[in-house]
Structures are given as structure tokens and as C-alpha cells.
Full PDB file with SEQRES, HELIX, SHEET, SSBOND, CRYST1, ORIGX, SCALE, CONECT and MASTER records, all heavy atoms in Angstrom:
SEQRES   1 A   38  ALA VAL SER CYS ILE SER SER SER GLY GLY SER ARG ASN          
SEQRES   2 A   38  TYR ALA ASP SER VAL LYS GLY ARG PHE THR MET SER ARG          
SEQRES   3 A   38  ASP ASN ALA LYS ASN THR PHE TYR LEU GLN MET ASN              
HELIX    1 AA1 ASN A   28  LYS A   30  5                                   3    
SHEET    1 AA1 2 SER A   3  ILE A   5  0                                        
SHEET    2 AA1 2 ARG A  12  TYR A  14 -1                                        
SHEET    1 AA2 2 PHE A  22  ASP A  27  0                                        
SHEET    2 AA2 2 THR A  32  MET A  37 -1                                        
CRYST1    1.000    1.000    1.000  90.00  90.00  90.00 P 1           1          
ORIGX1      1.000000  0.000000  0.000000        0.00000                         
ORIGX2      0.000000  1.000000  0.000000        0.00000                         
ORIGX3      0.000000  0.000000  1.000000        0.00000                         
SCALE1      1.000000  0.000000  0.000000        0.00000                         
SCALE2      0.000000  1.000000  0.000000        0.00000                         
SCALE3      0.000000  0.000000  1.000000        0.00000                         
ATOM      1  N   ALA A   1      82.536  94.695  97.231  1.00  0.00           N  
ATOM      2  CA  ALA A   1      83.750  95.172  97.873  1.00  0.00           C  
ATOM      3  C   ALA A   1      84.917  95.159  96.898  1.00  0.00           C  
ATOM      4  O   ALA A   1      85.032  94.281  96.046  1.00  0.00           O  
ATOM      5  CB  ALA A   1      84.075  94.309  99.089  1.00  0.00           C  
ATOM      6  N   VAL A   2      85.800  96.132  97.035  1.00  0.00           N  
ATOM      7  CA  VAL A   2      87.015  96.232  96.242  1.00  0.00           C  
ATOM      8  C   VAL A   2      88.242  95.968  97.106  1.00  0.00           C  
ATOM      9  O   VAL A   2      89.108  95.160  96.756  1.00  0.00           O  
ATOM     10  CB  VAL A   2      87.133  97.608  95.568  1.00  0.00           C  
ATOM     11  CG1 VAL A   2      88.480  97.761  94.866  1.00  0.00           C  
ATOM     12  CG2 VAL A   2      85.990  97.820  94.582  1.00  0.00           C  
ATOM     13  N   SER A   3      88.323  96.651  98.245  1.00  0.00           N  
ATOM     14  CA  SER A   3      89.511  96.564  99.090  1.00  0.00           C  
ATOM     15  C   SER A   3      89.217  97.109 100.472  1.00  0.00           C  
ATOM     16  O   SER A   3      88.273  97.887 100.655  1.00  0.00           O  
ATOM     17  CB  SER A   3      90.660  97.359  98.447  1.00  0.00           C  
ATOM     18  OG  SER A   3      91.838  97.291  99.217  1.00  0.00           O  
ATOM     19  N   CYS A   4      90.025  96.717 101.457  1.00  0.00           N  
ATOM     20  CA  CYS A   4      89.916  97.288 102.792  1.00  0.00           C  
ATOM     21  C   CYS A   4      91.275  97.289 103.470  1.00  0.00           C  
ATOM     22  O   CYS A   4      92.185  96.547 103.089  1.00  0.00           O  
ATOM     23  CB  CYS A   4      88.880  96.546 103.652  1.00  0.00           C  
ATOM     24  SG  CYS A   4      89.285  94.829 104.070  1.00  0.00           S  
ATOM     25  N   ILE A   5      91.419  98.152 104.485  1.00  0.00           N  
ATOM     26  CA  ILE A   5      92.588  98.211 105.349  1.00  0.00           C  
ATOM     27  C   ILE A   5      92.104  98.368 106.777  1.00  0.00           C  
ATOM     28  O   ILE A   5      91.234  99.192 107.060  1.00  0.00           O  
ATOM     29  CB  ILE A   5      93.531  99.385 105.009  1.00  0.00           C  
ATOM     30  CG1 ILE A   5      93.973  99.339 103.540  1.00  0.00           C  
ATOM     31  CG2 ILE A   5      94.763  99.374 105.919  1.00  0.00           C  
ATOM     32  CD1 ILE A   5      94.840 100.519 103.131  1.00  0.00           C  
ATOM     33  N   SER A   6      92.668  97.599 107.701  1.00  0.00           N  
ATOM     34  CA  SER A   6      92.296  97.703 109.103  1.00  0.00           C  
ATOM     35  C   SER A   6      92.829  98.997 109.704  1.00  0.00           C  
ATOM     36  O   SER A   6      93.678  99.675 109.125  1.00  0.00           O  
ATOM     37  CB  SER A   6      92.833  96.501 109.884  1.00  0.00           C  
ATOM     38  OG  SER A   6      94.253  96.473 109.850  1.00  0.00           O  
ATOM     39  N   SER A   7      92.318  99.347 110.887  1.00  0.00           N  
ATOM     40  CA  SER A   7      92.738 100.588 111.537  1.00  0.00           C  
ATOM     41  C   SER A   7      94.230 100.613 111.819  1.00  0.00           C  
ATOM     42  O   SER A   7      94.866 101.670 111.716  1.00  0.00           O  
ATOM     43  CB  SER A   7      91.951 100.799 112.831  1.00  0.00           C  
ATOM     44  OG  SER A   7      92.142  99.712 113.723  1.00  0.00           O  
ATOM     45  N   SER A   8      94.798  99.470 112.159  1.00  0.00           N  
ATOM     46  CA  SER A   8      96.225  99.376 112.437  1.00  0.00           C  
ATOM     47  C   SER A   8      97.071  99.335 111.169  1.00  0.00           C  
ATOM     48  O   SER A   8      98.286  99.523 111.227  1.00  0.00           O  
ATOM     49  CB  SER A   8      96.519  98.132 113.268  1.00  0.00           C  
ATOM     50  OG  SER A   8      96.294  96.958 112.516  1.00  0.00           O  
ATOM     51  N   GLY A   9      96.438  99.069 110.042  1.00  0.00           N  
ATOM     52  CA  GLY A   9      97.163  98.875 108.797  1.00  0.00           C  
ATOM     53  C   GLY A   9      97.720  97.483 108.632  1.00  0.00           C  
ATOM     54  O   GLY A   9      98.338  97.180 107.610  1.00  0.00           O  
ATOM     55  N   GLY A  10      97.503  96.627 109.633  1.00  0.00           N  
ATOM     56  CA  GLY A  10      98.070  95.297 109.616  1.00  0.00           C  
ATOM     57  C   GLY A  10      97.369  94.318 108.698  1.00  0.00           C  
ATOM     58  O   GLY A  10      97.951  93.295 108.320  1.00  0.00           O  
ATOM     59  N   SER A  11      96.127  94.590 108.362  1.00  0.00           N  
ATOM     60  CA  SER A  11      95.368  93.718 107.471  1.00  0.00           C  
ATOM     61  C   SER A  11      94.949  94.486 106.230  1.00  0.00           C  
ATOM     62  O   SER A  11      94.381  95.576 106.333  1.00  0.00           O  
ATOM     63  CB  SER A  11      94.129  93.163 108.180  1.00  0.00           C  
ATOM     64  OG  SER A  11      94.493  92.332 109.266  1.00  0.00           O  
ATOM     65  N   ARG A  12      95.230  93.913 105.073  1.00  0.00           N  
ATOM     66  CA  ARG A  12      94.834  94.482 103.788  1.00  0.00           C  
ATOM     67  C   ARG A  12      94.283  93.367 102.923  1.00  0.00           C  
ATOM     68  O   ARG A  12      94.876  92.296 102.825  1.00  0.00           O  
ATOM     69  CB  ARG A  12      96.023  95.137 103.080  1.00  0.00           C  
ATOM     70  CG  ARG A  12      96.616  96.320 103.824  1.00  0.00           C  
ATOM     71  CD  ARG A  12      97.960  96.706 103.243  1.00  0.00           C  
ATOM     72  NE  ARG A  12      98.545  97.836 103.954  1.00  0.00           N  
ATOM     73  CZ  ARG A  12      98.566  99.086 103.508  1.00  0.00           C  
ATOM     74  NH1 ARG A  12      98.040  99.386 102.332  1.00  0.00           N  
ATOM     75  NH2 ARG A  12      99.119 100.049 104.238  1.00  0.00           N  
ATOM     76  N   ASN A  13      93.149  93.631 102.297  1.00  0.00           N  
ATOM     77  CA  ASN A  13      92.537  92.624 101.446  1.00  0.00           C  
ATOM     78  C   ASN A  13      91.996  93.257 100.176  1.00  0.00           C  
ATOM     79  O   ASN A  13      91.579  94.417 100.176  1.00  0.00           O  
ATOM     80  CB  ASN A  13      91.411  91.893 102.184  1.00  0.00           C  
ATOM     81  CG  ASN A  13      91.930  90.943 103.243  1.00  0.00           C  
ATOM     82  OD1 ASN A  13      92.538  89.923 102.921  1.00  0.00           O  
ATOM     83  ND2 ASN A  13      91.690  91.264 104.504  1.00  0.00           N  
ATOM     84  N   TYR A  14      92.012  92.473  99.095  1.00  0.00           N  
ATOM     85  CA  TYR A  14      91.521  92.917  97.805  1.00  0.00           C  
ATOM     86  C   TYR A  14      90.603  91.861  97.207  1.00  0.00           C  
ATOM     87  O   TYR A  14      90.809  90.660  97.401  1.00  0.00           O  
ATOM     88  CB  TYR A  14      92.671  93.154  96.825  1.00  0.00           C  
ATOM     89  CG  TYR A  14      93.593  94.277  97.200  1.00  0.00           C  
ATOM     90  CD1 TYR A  14      94.697  94.057  98.014  1.00  0.00           C  
ATOM     91  CD2 TYR A  14      93.373  95.561  96.731  1.00  0.00           C  
ATOM     92  CE1 TYR A  14      95.551  95.083  98.362  1.00  0.00           C  
ATOM     93  CE2 TYR A  14      94.226  96.599  97.069  1.00  0.00           C  
ATOM     94  CZ  TYR A  14      95.312  96.353  97.881  1.00  0.00           C  
ATOM     95  OH  TYR A  14      96.163  97.387  98.213  1.00  0.00           O  
ATOM     96  N   ALA A  15      89.613  92.325  96.464  1.00  0.00           N  
ATOM     97  CA  ALA A  15      88.811  91.402  95.681  1.00  0.00           C  
ATOM     98  C   ALA A  15      89.682  90.760  94.614  1.00  0.00           C  
ATOM     99  O   ALA A  15      90.610  91.383  94.087  1.00  0.00           O  
ATOM    100  CB  ALA A  15      87.639  92.141  95.034  1.00  0.00           C  
ATOM    101  N   ASP A  16      89.397  89.499  94.283  1.00  0.00           N  
ATOM    102  CA  ASP A  16      90.201  88.789  93.290  1.00  0.00           C  
ATOM    103  C   ASP A  16      90.247  89.526  91.954  1.00  0.00           C  
ATOM    104  O   ASP A  16      91.256  89.486  91.244  1.00  0.00           O  
ATOM    105  CB  ASP A  16      89.645  87.380  93.072  1.00  0.00           C  
ATOM    106  CG  ASP A  16      89.902  86.461  94.251  1.00  0.00           C  
ATOM    107  OD1 ASP A  16      90.772  86.778  95.090  1.00  0.00           O  
ATOM    108  OD2 ASP A  16      89.232  85.416  94.332  1.00  0.00           O  
ATOM    109  N   SER A  17      89.170  90.204  91.611  1.00  0.00           N  
ATOM    110  CA  SER A  17      89.075  90.861  90.320  1.00  0.00           C  
ATOM    111  C   SER A  17      90.034  92.045  90.160  1.00  0.00           C  
ATOM    112  O   SER A  17      90.297  92.473  89.034  1.00  0.00           O  
ATOM    113  CB  SER A  17      87.637  91.340  90.073  1.00  0.00           C  
ATOM    114  OG  SER A  17      87.223  92.237  91.086  1.00  0.00           O  
ATOM    115  N   VAL A  18      90.556  92.571  91.271  1.00  0.00           N  
ATOM    116  CA  VAL A  18      91.428  93.745  91.197  1.00  0.00           C  
ATOM    117  C   VAL A  18      92.832  93.484  91.715  1.00  0.00           C  
ATOM    118  O   VAL A  18      93.692  94.374  91.624  1.00  0.00           O  
ATOM    119  CB  VAL A  18      90.825  94.953  91.942  1.00  0.00           C  
ATOM    120  CG1 VAL A  18      89.405  95.232  91.456  1.00  0.00           C  
ATOM    121  CG2 VAL A  18      90.847  94.736  93.452  1.00  0.00           C  
ATOM    122  N   LYS A  19      93.101  92.300  92.241  1.00  0.00           N  
ATOM    123  CA  LYS A  19      94.429  91.988  92.778  1.00  0.00           C  
ATOM    124  C   LYS A  19      95.504  92.157  91.706  1.00  0.00           C  
ATOM    125  O   LYS A  19      95.351  91.705  90.579  1.00  0.00           O  
ATOM    126  CB  LYS A  19      94.467  90.561  93.319  1.00  0.00           C  
ATOM    127  CG  LYS A  19      93.772  90.377  94.642  1.00  0.00           C  
ATOM    128  CD  LYS A  19      93.870  88.937  95.126  1.00  0.00           C  
ATOM    129  CE  LYS A  19      93.169  88.761  96.459  1.00  0.00           C  
ATOM    130  NZ  LYS A  19      93.193  87.348  96.909  1.00  0.00           N  
ATOM    131  N   GLY A  20      96.582  92.820  92.086  1.00  0.00           N  
ATOM    132  CA  GLY A  20      97.675  93.061  91.168  1.00  0.00           C  
ATOM    133  C   GLY A  20      97.500  94.295  90.316  1.00  0.00           C  
ATOM    134  O   GLY A  20      98.448  94.720  89.646  1.00  0.00           O  
ATOM    135  N   ARG A  21      96.308  94.872  90.313  1.00  0.00           N  
ATOM    136  CA  ARG A  21      96.037  96.060  89.510  1.00  0.00           C  
ATOM    137  C   ARG A  21      95.716  97.284  90.368  1.00  0.00           C  
ATOM    138  O   ARG A  21      96.102  98.397  90.019  1.00  0.00           O  
ATOM    139  CB  ARG A  21      94.872  95.814  88.549  1.00  0.00           C  
ATOM    140  CG  ARG A  21      95.115  94.675  87.570  1.00  0.00           C  
ATOM    141  CD  ARG A  21      94.021  94.611  86.505  1.00  0.00           C  
ATOM    142  NE  ARG A  21      92.701  94.373  87.082  1.00  0.00           N  
ATOM    143  CZ  ARG A  21      91.683  95.235  87.011  1.00  0.00           C  
ATOM    144  NH1 ARG A  21      91.832  96.390  86.379  1.00  0.00           N  
ATOM    145  NH2 ARG A  21      90.518  94.928  87.555  1.00  0.00           N  
ATOM    146  N   PHE A  22      95.002  97.081  91.467  1.00  0.00           N  
ATOM    147  CA  PHE A  22      94.602  98.177  92.351  1.00  0.00           C  
ATOM    148  C   PHE A  22      95.425  98.136  93.633  1.00  0.00           C  
ATOM    149  O   PHE A  22      95.754  97.056  94.136  1.00  0.00           O  
ATOM    150  CB  PHE A  22      93.125  98.072  92.732  1.00  0.00           C  
ATOM    151  CG  PHE A  22      92.157  98.338  91.607  1.00  0.00           C  
ATOM    152  CD1 PHE A  22      92.570  98.449  90.290  1.00  0.00           C  
ATOM    153  CD2 PHE A  22      90.804  98.471  91.889  1.00  0.00           C  
ATOM    154  CE1 PHE A  22      91.668  98.686  89.262  1.00  0.00           C  
ATOM    155  CE2 PHE A  22      89.892  98.712  90.872  1.00  0.00           C  
ATOM    156  CZ  PHE A  22      90.322  98.819  89.562  1.00  0.00           C  
ATOM    157  N   THR A  23      95.725  99.302  94.186  1.00  0.00           N  
ATOM    158  CA  THR A  23      96.443  99.411  95.441  1.00  0.00           C  
ATOM    159  C   THR A  23      95.740 100.423  96.339  1.00  0.00           C  
ATOM    160  O   THR A  23      95.534 101.568  95.944  1.00  0.00           O  
ATOM    161  CB  THR A  23      97.901  99.848  95.235  1.00  0.00           C  
ATOM    162  OG1 THR A  23      98.570  98.920  94.376  1.00  0.00           O  
ATOM    163  CG2 THR A  23      98.628  99.898  96.570  1.00  0.00           C  
ATOM    164  N   MET A  24      95.387  99.990  97.542  1.00  0.00           N  
ATOM    165  CA  MET A  24      94.763 100.875  98.512  1.00  0.00           C  
ATOM    166  C   MET A  24      95.800 101.321  99.535  1.00  0.00           C  
ATOM    167  O   MET A  24      96.677 100.545  99.918  1.00  0.00           O  
ATOM    168  CB  MET A  24      93.605 100.163  99.212  1.00  0.00           C  
ATOM    169  CG  MET A  24      92.818 101.046 100.151  1.00  0.00           C  
ATOM    170  SD  MET A  24      91.446 100.140 100.933  1.00  0.00           S  
ATOM    171  CE  MET A  24      90.786 101.432 101.993  1.00  0.00           C  
ATOM    172  N   SER A  25      95.699 102.566  99.983  1.00  0.00           N  
ATOM    173  CA  SER A  25      96.610 103.082 100.993  1.00  0.00           C  
ATOM    174  C   SER A  25      95.874 104.082 101.881  1.00  0.00           C  
ATOM    175  O   SER A  25      94.795 104.572 101.519  1.00  0.00           O  
ATOM    176  CB  SER A  25      97.831 103.740 100.350  1.00  0.00           C  
ATOM    177  OG  SER A  25      97.455 104.834  99.530  1.00  0.00           O  
ATOM    178  N   ARG A  26      96.457 104.370 103.048  1.00  0.00           N  
ATOM    179  CA  ARG A  26      95.875 105.364 103.935  1.00  0.00           C  
ATOM    180  C   ARG A  26      96.963 106.290 104.455  1.00  0.00           C  
ATOM    181  O   ARG A  26      98.105 105.876 104.674  1.00  0.00           O  
ATOM    182  CB  ARG A  26      95.108 104.704 105.093  1.00  0.00           C  
ATOM    183  CG  ARG A  26      95.950 103.893 106.075  1.00  0.00           C  
ATOM    184  CD  ARG A  26      95.069 103.114 107.058  1.00  0.00           C  
ATOM    185  NE  ARG A  26      94.199 103.991 107.828  1.00  0.00           N  
ATOM    186  CZ  ARG A  26      93.154 103.567 108.543  1.00  0.00           C  
ATOM    187  NH1 ARG A  26      92.842 102.275 108.574  1.00  0.00           N  
ATOM    188  NH2 ARG A  26      92.423 104.441 109.215  1.00  0.00           N  
ATOM    189  N   ASP A  27      96.605 107.548 104.649  1.00  0.00           N  
ATOM    190  CA  ASP A  27      97.506 108.551 105.188  1.00  0.00           C  
ATOM    191  C   ASP A  27      96.769 109.227 106.329  1.00  0.00           C  
ATOM    192  O   ASP A  27      96.019 110.183 106.124  1.00  0.00           O  
ATOM    193  CB  ASP A  27      97.910 109.557 104.115  1.00  0.00           C  
ATOM    194  CG  ASP A  27      98.988 110.516 104.587  1.00  0.00           C  
ATOM    195  OD1 ASP A  27      99.171 110.671 105.807  1.00  0.00           O  
ATOM    196  OD2 ASP A  27      99.656 111.124 103.723  1.00  0.00           O  
ATOM    197  N   ASN A  28      96.971 108.713 107.534  1.00  0.00           N  
ATOM    198  CA  ASN A  28      96.231 109.232 108.682  1.00  0.00           C  
ATOM    199  C   ASN A  28      96.570 110.685 108.990  1.00  0.00           C  
ATOM    200  O   ASN A  28      95.722 111.425 109.499  1.00  0.00           O  
ATOM    201  CB  ASN A  28      96.485 108.360 109.913  1.00  0.00           C  
ATOM    202  CG  ASN A  28      95.805 107.010 109.822  1.00  0.00           C  
ATOM    203  OD1 ASN A  28      94.961 106.776 108.962  1.00  0.00           O  
ATOM    204  ND2 ASN A  28      96.179 106.102 110.719  1.00  0.00           N  
ATOM    205  N   ALA A  29      97.794 111.107 108.684  1.00  0.00           N  
ATOM    206  CA  ALA A  29      98.182 112.492 108.921  1.00  0.00           C  
ATOM    207  C   ALA A  29      97.332 113.451 108.106  1.00  0.00           C  
ATOM    208  O   ALA A  29      97.076 114.581 108.520  1.00  0.00           O  
ATOM    209  CB  ALA A  29      99.662 112.698 108.613  1.00  0.00           C  
ATOM    210  N   LYS A  30      96.906 113.011 106.917  1.00  0.00           N  
ATOM    211  CA  LYS A  30      96.054 113.821 106.051  1.00  0.00           C  
ATOM    212  C   LYS A  30      94.583 113.474 106.197  1.00  0.00           C  
ATOM    213  O   LYS A  30      93.739 114.084 105.539  1.00  0.00           O  
ATOM    214  CB  LYS A  30      96.471 113.655 104.591  1.00  0.00           C  
ATOM    215  CG  LYS A  30      97.866 114.162 104.283  1.00  0.00           C  
ATOM    216  CD  LYS A  30      98.186 113.999 102.810  1.00  0.00           C  
ATOM    217  CE  LYS A  30      99.559 114.538 102.483  1.00  0.00           C  
ATOM    218  NZ  LYS A  30      99.894 114.361 101.049  1.00  0.00           N  
ATOM    219  N   ASN A  31      94.286 112.477 107.039  1.00  0.00           N  
ATOM    220  CA  ASN A  31      92.918 112.010 107.234  1.00  0.00           C  
ATOM    221  C   ASN A  31      92.273 111.647 105.896  1.00  0.00           C  
ATOM    222  O   ASN A  31      91.112 111.971 105.630  1.00  0.00           O  
ATOM    223  CB  ASN A  31      92.069 113.057 107.965  1.00  0.00           C  
ATOM    224  CG  ASN A  31      91.155 112.443 109.011  1.00  0.00           C  
ATOM    225  OD1 ASN A  31      91.452 111.402 109.589  1.00  0.00           O  
ATOM    226  ND2 ASN A  31      90.027 113.099 109.262  1.00  0.00           N  
ATOM    227  N   THR A  32      93.042 110.958 105.068  1.00  0.00           N  
ATOM    228  CA  THR A  32      92.651 110.646 103.707  1.00  0.00           C  
ATOM    229  C   THR A  32      93.105 109.238 103.350  1.00  0.00           C  
ATOM    230  O   THR A  32      94.143 108.788 103.827  1.00  0.00           O  
ATOM    231  CB  THR A  32      93.263 111.647 102.717  1.00  0.00           C  
ATOM    232  OG1 THR A  32      92.857 112.977 103.070  1.00  0.00           O  
ATOM    233  CG2 THR A  32      92.821 111.369 101.286  1.00  0.00           C  
ATOM    234  N   PHE A  33      92.331 108.543 102.520  1.00  0.00           N  
ATOM    235  CA  PHE A  33      92.816 107.291 101.967  1.00  0.00           C  
ATOM    236  C   PHE A  33      92.552 107.242 100.473  1.00  0.00           C  
ATOM    237  O   PHE A  33      91.791 108.051  99.930  1.00  0.00           O  
ATOM    238  CB  PHE A  33      92.281 106.055 102.707  1.00  0.00           C  
ATOM    239  CG  PHE A  33      90.787 105.910 102.780  1.00  0.00           C  
ATOM    240  CD1 PHE A  33      90.117 105.050 101.918  1.00  0.00           C  
ATOM    241  CD2 PHE A  33      90.052 106.568 103.757  1.00  0.00           C  
ATOM    242  CE1 PHE A  33      88.748 104.864 102.013  1.00  0.00           C  
ATOM    243  CE2 PHE A  33      88.682 106.392 103.859  1.00  0.00           C  
ATOM    244  CZ  PHE A  33      88.031 105.534 102.983  1.00  0.00           C  
ATOM    245  N   TYR A  34      93.217 106.297  99.795  1.00  0.00           N  
ATOM    246  CA  TYR A  34      93.329 106.336  98.351  1.00  0.00           C  
ATOM    247  C   TYR A  34      93.105 104.964  97.726  1.00  0.00           C  
ATOM    248  O   TYR A  34      93.255 103.927  98.364  1.00  0.00           O  
ATOM    249  CB  TYR A  34      94.725 106.814  97.940  1.00  0.00           C  
ATOM    250  CG  TYR A  34      95.152 108.091  98.610  1.00  0.00           C  
ATOM    251  CD1 TYR A  34      95.844 108.068  99.816  1.00  0.00           C  
ATOM    252  CD2 TYR A  34      94.864 109.326  98.044  1.00  0.00           C  
ATOM    253  CE1 TYR A  34      96.236 109.238 100.442  1.00  0.00           C  
ATOM    254  CE2 TYR A  34      95.248 110.502  98.657  1.00  0.00           C  
ATOM    255  CZ  TYR A  34      95.933 110.451  99.854  1.00  0.00           C  
ATOM    256  OH  TYR A  34      96.318 111.624 100.464  1.00  0.00           O  
ATOM    257  N   LEU A  35      92.779 104.987  96.450  1.00  0.00           N  
ATOM    258  CA  LEU A  35      92.735 103.775  95.645  1.00  0.00           C  
ATOM    259  C   LEU A  35      93.419 104.070  94.316  1.00  0.00           C  
ATOM    260  O   LEU A  35      92.878 104.819  93.497  1.00  0.00           O  
ATOM    261  CB  LEU A  35      91.297 103.299  95.407  1.00  0.00           C  
ATOM    262  CG  LEU A  35      91.158 101.982  94.647  1.00  0.00           C  
ATOM    263  CD1 LEU A  35      91.690 100.822  95.494  1.00  0.00           C  
ATOM    264  CD2 LEU A  35      89.706 101.730  94.255  1.00  0.00           C  
ATOM    265  N   GLN A  36      94.603 103.509  94.120  1.00  0.00           N  
ATOM    266  CA  GLN A  36      95.320 103.638  92.858  1.00  0.00           C  
ATOM    267  C   GLN A  36      94.885 102.498  91.945  1.00  0.00           C  
ATOM    268  O   GLN A  36      95.050 101.331  92.298  1.00  0.00           O  
ATOM    269  CB  GLN A  36      96.829 103.594  93.083  1.00  0.00           C  
ATOM    270  CG  GLN A  36      97.651 103.671  91.807  1.00  0.00           C  
ATOM    271  CD  GLN A  36      97.498 104.985  91.087  1.00  0.00           C  
ATOM    272  OE1 GLN A  36      97.562 106.045  91.705  1.00  0.00           O  
ATOM    273  NE2 GLN A  36      97.282 104.937  89.783  1.00  0.00           N  
ATOM    274  N   MET A  37      94.356 102.834  90.779  1.00  0.00           N  
ATOM    275  CA  MET A  37      93.824 101.848  89.856  1.00  0.00           C  
ATOM    276  C   MET A  37      94.659 101.858  88.584  1.00  0.00           C  
ATOM    277  O   MET A  37      94.696 102.862  87.866  1.00  0.00           O  
ATOM    278  CB  MET A  37      92.355 102.136  89.536  1.00  0.00           C  
ATOM    279  CG  MET A  37      91.460 102.208  90.768  1.00  0.00           C  
ATOM    280  SD  MET A  37      89.708 102.450  90.362  1.00  0.00           S  
ATOM    281  CE  MET A  37      89.782 104.107  89.683  1.00  0.00           C  
ATOM    282  N   ASN A  38      95.329 100.747  88.305  1.00  0.00           N  
ATOM    283  CA  ASN A  38      96.139 100.589  87.107  1.00  0.00           C  
ATOM    284  C   ASN A  38      95.562  99.498  86.221  1.00  0.00           C  
ATOM    285  O   ASN A  38      94.756  98.683  86.660  1.00  0.00           O  
ATOM    286  CB  ASN A  38      97.581 100.238  87.484  1.00  0.00           C  
ATOM    287  CG  ASN A  38      98.259 101.295  88.311  1.00  0.00           C  
ATOM    288  OD1 ASN A  38      98.018 102.490  88.120  1.00  0.00           O  
ATOM    289  ND2 ASN A  38      99.120 100.872  89.227  1.00  0.00           N  
TER     290      ASN A  38                                                      
MASTER        0    0    0    1    4    0    0    6  289    1    0    3          
END                                                                             
């Protein structure tokens, strides 16, 4: 696992190996979600 977001958006979790570097987001209007990796 890398990351997850609950349906409500209220819970977000990241694996320790990617914390501070990766950001997950969701855009329900576009029916799309993303993983920004820095």
C-alpha cells in the first residue's frame, strides 16, 4: 500500500516510506483521483 482516502475524505493515510513526499487527492466532480510524487 502507498496511500488511501476514505469516501468522505475525512481519513487519509500514507505508508511511512512516502510520507512527506507523496500526496494523494480526489476530485469527485471529475471522477478521478491522483498521486503527486515528489
